[in-house]
Protein backbone atom coordinates (compact mmCIF):
# COMPACT_ATOMS: atom_id res chain seq x y z
CA UNK A 1 -6.40 -23.43 22.81
CA UNK A 2 -5.00 -19.94 23.39
CA UNK A 3 -7.44 -17.59 21.64
CA UNK A 4 -8.19 -14.79 24.11
CA UNK A 5 -11.32 -12.65 23.68
CA UNK A 6 -10.95 -9.00 22.73
CA UNK A 7 -8.04 -9.55 20.37
CA UNK A 8 -10.28 -9.53 17.30
CA UNK A 9 -8.89 -12.57 15.55
CA UNK A 10 -5.81 -14.63 15.99
CA UNK A 11 -2.93 -14.65 13.55
CA UNK A 12 -1.28 -17.60 15.30
CA UNK A 13 -3.08 -20.31 17.21
CA UNK A 14 -1.31 -22.04 20.09
CA UNK A 15 -2.49 -25.34 21.53
CA UNK A 16 -1.34 -25.36 25.14
CA UNK A 17 -1.28 -28.28 27.53
CA UNK A 18 -2.21 -25.89 30.32
CA UNK A 19 -4.55 -23.50 28.48
CA UNK A 20 -5.65 -21.78 31.66
CA UNK A 21 -2.05 -20.69 32.41
CA UNK A 22 -0.53 -19.04 29.29
CA UNK A 23 2.14 -17.37 31.45
CA UNK A 24 3.95 -20.72 31.66
CA UNK A 25 4.69 -20.43 27.95
CA UNK A 26 5.75 -16.79 27.94
CA UNK A 27 2.40 -15.59 26.58
CA UNK A 28 0.50 -12.69 28.12
CA UNK A 29 -2.42 -13.56 30.37
CA UNK A 30 -4.56 -10.70 29.11
CA UNK A 31 -3.31 -9.76 25.59
CA UNK A 32 -4.30 -6.49 23.95
CA UNK A 33 -3.88 -5.04 20.51
CA UNK A 34 -1.46 -2.08 20.56
CA UNK A 35 -2.96 1.36 19.87
CA UNK A 36 -0.59 1.87 16.93
CA UNK A 37 -1.94 -1.25 15.20
CA UNK A 38 -5.52 -0.12 15.80
CA UNK A 39 -4.78 3.33 14.35
CA UNK A 40 -2.96 1.80 11.38
CA UNK A 41 -5.79 -0.59 10.52
CA UNK A 42 -8.73 1.74 11.21
CA UNK A 43 -7.40 5.15 10.12
CA UNK A 44 -4.20 5.11 8.06
CA UNK A 45 -5.02 2.16 5.80
CA UNK A 46 -8.47 3.41 4.67
CA UNK A 47 -7.13 6.95 4.28
CA UNK A 48 -4.29 5.67 2.09
CA UNK A 49 -6.76 3.72 -0.05
CA UNK A 50 -8.94 6.80 -0.51
CA UNK A 51 -5.92 8.92 -1.47
CA UNK A 52 -4.68 6.32 -3.96
CA UNK A 53 -8.08 6.08 -5.67
CA UNK A 54 -8.28 9.89 -5.71
CA UNK A 55 -4.86 10.12 -7.35
CA UNK A 56 -5.79 7.57 -10.00
CA UNK A 57 -9.08 9.36 -10.73
CA UNK A 58 -7.25 12.68 -10.92
CA UNK A 59 -4.77 11.25 -13.42
CA UNK A 60 -7.59 9.76 -15.49
CA UNK A 61 -9.56 13.03 -15.57
CA UNK A 62 -6.39 14.95 -16.47
CA UNK A 63 -5.72 12.57 -19.36
CA UNK A 64 -9.33 12.84 -20.56
CA UNK A 65 -9.29 16.64 -20.34
CA UNK A 66 -5.83 17.42 -21.74
CA UNK A 67 -4.68 14.24 -23.52
CA UNK A 68 -1.09 13.14 -23.90
CA UNK A 69 1.73 15.52 -23.12
CA UNK A 70 3.72 16.16 -26.30
CA UNK A 71 6.47 18.63 -27.02
CA UNK A 72 5.38 21.68 -29.04
CA UNK A 73 6.03 21.34 -32.75
CA UNK A 74 6.46 17.57 -32.62
CA UNK A 75 4.80 15.79 -35.51
CA UNK A 76 2.93 12.53 -35.06
CA UNK A 77 5.52 10.70 -37.21
CA UNK A 78 8.34 11.82 -34.91
CA UNK A 79 6.57 10.56 -31.82
CA UNK A 80 6.16 7.11 -33.40
CA UNK A 81 9.88 6.61 -34.00
CA UNK A 82 11.39 3.65 -32.15
CA UNK A 83 15.09 4.14 -32.89
CA UNK A 84 17.13 5.69 -30.05
CA UNK A 85 17.91 9.38 -30.37
CA UNK A 86 21.44 10.61 -29.65
CA UNK A 87 21.83 12.49 -26.40
CA UNK A 88 23.27 15.99 -26.81
CA UNK A 89 25.47 15.38 -23.77
CA UNK A 90 27.17 12.43 -25.50
CA UNK A 91 28.37 14.55 -28.44
CA UNK A 92 32.15 15.17 -28.59
């Protein structure tokens, strides 16, 4: 079985007739994980998760602090209307 050490898990497992010679099958003898993949998995992905959670918390705190954004002078009954409003650009 071709599962070299140091790769940190195998996404695809190959069963080779000559497991001691992976070069016969076009596979690298000493595979390594590219630096870009390591940076992506260990730096960029956690940073993106932290930023996404921060954005969601920021939106939640903004909603709690300021509430819904409504136009000035709009009554509650007007904001509940479901019929479409004419667009001023569509007028003749």
